Protein backbone atom coordinates (compact mmCIF):
# COMPACT_ATOMS: atom_id res chain seq x y z
CA MET A 1 12.55 8.43 13.05
CA TYR A 2 15.19 5.76 12.06
CA ALA A 3 18.28 6.54 10.46
CA GLY A 4 17.96 5.66 6.92
CA TYR A 5 13.97 5.35 7.15
CA VAL A 6 11.09 7.53 6.35
CA ASN A 7 7.79 7.37 8.35
CA ILE A 8 4.75 6.73 6.13
CA VAL A 9 1.18 6.49 7.28
CA TYR A 10 -1.52 4.53 5.07
CA ALA A 11 -4.57 2.91 5.57
CA VAL A 12 -5.86 -0.58 5.29
CA ASP A 13 -9.50 -1.77 5.26
CA VAL A 14 -9.64 -3.95 8.42
CA GLY A 15 -12.60 -6.08 6.71
CA GLY A 16 -10.02 -7.31 4.16
CA VAL A 17 -11.52 -5.60 1.03
CA PHE A 18 -8.32 -4.37 -1.11
CA LEU A 19 -9.60 -4.16 -4.48
CA HIS A 20 -11.40 -0.95 -4.34
CA THR A 21 -10.34 2.59 -3.50
CA LEU A 22 -10.06 2.91 0.09
CA SER A 23 -11.10 6.14 1.96
CA MET A 24 -10.11 7.27 5.41
CA GLU A 25 -13.92 8.00 6.01
CA GLU A 26 -14.57 4.44 5.83
CA PRO A 27 -15.75 3.20 9.37
CA ASN A 28 -13.59 0.37 9.73
CA SER A 29 -10.28 2.15 8.36
CA GLU A 30 -7.37 2.26 10.47
CA ARG A 31 -3.91 4.14 10.12
CA ILE A 32 -0.59 2.26 10.33
CA ILE A 33 2.66 3.79 10.80
CA THR A 34 5.71 2.02 9.61
CA PRO A 35 9.49 2.80 8.99
CA MET A 36 10.72 2.14 5.10
CA PRO A 37 13.86 2.62 3.63
CA LYS A 38 14.47 5.82 1.49
CA SER A 39 14.97 3.65 -1.67
CA LEU A 40 11.55 1.99 -1.28
CA VAL A 41 9.81 5.42 -0.65
CA GLU A 42 11.65 6.83 -3.76
CA ALA A 43 10.25 3.75 -5.66
CA ILE A 44 6.92 4.11 -4.26
CA ASP A 45 6.73 8.21 -5.13
CA ASN A 46 8.06 7.04 -8.67
CA TYR A 47 5.10 4.80 -9.20
CA ARG A 48 2.80 7.52 -7.65
CA PHE A 49 3.88 10.01 -10.35
CA ASP A 50 4.02 7.44 -13.21
CA THR A 51 0.26 6.40 -12.43
CA ARG A 52 -0.94 9.98 -11.45
CA SER A 53 -1.93 8.75 -8.10
CA PRO A 54 -3.77 11.70 -6.12
CA SER A 55 -1.32 10.97 -2.89
CA ARG A 56 1.52 8.78 -1.65
CA ALA A 57 -1.02 7.13 0.64
CA GLU A 58 -3.44 6.29 -2.43
CA ALA A 59 -0.10 5.02 -4.30
CA ILE A 60 0.77 3.00 -1.23
CA ARG A 61 -3.01 1.55 -0.99
CA ARG A 62 -2.75 0.52 -4.67
CA LEU A 63 0.67 -1.35 -4.47
CA ILE A 64 -0.62 -2.98 -1.35
CA GLN A 65 -3.87 -4.24 -3.46
CA LEU A 66 -1.65 -5.30 -6.42
CA GLY A 67 0.76 -7.17 -4.23
CA LEU A 68 -2.13 -9.00 -2.34
CA ALA A 69 -3.85 -10.03 -5.72
CA ALA A 70 -0.54 -11.33 -6.99
CA ALA A 71 0.45 -13.18 -3.84
CA LYS A 72 -3.10 -14.89 -3.95
CA THR A 73 -2.60 -15.68 -7.66
CA SER A 74 0.66 -16.97 -6.96
CA THR A 75 -0.53 -19.19 -3.92
CA ASN A 76 -3.35 -20.47 -6.23
CA LEU A 77 -1.01 -21.60 -9.10
CA VAL A 78 1.40 -23.28 -6.43
CA GLU A 79 -1.34 -25.07 -4.77
CA LYS A 80 -2.91 -26.58 -8.16
């Protein structure tokens, strides 16, 4: 572990489908390990408790889905 960082494991569907609840039982799921600053982990945990997500991993998946959707929308607005 890096000083000032916390390791978090989360899953991303390699098929690129992010707008549904992902499950580790899906055949194309994979684990990704990435260090994050403690302040980001605290923000994720706050989101988790505010939205009553069942786990930190699910909260991270939801935040990734929201971020990707926002980035896609933002990119589409710029292209027009």
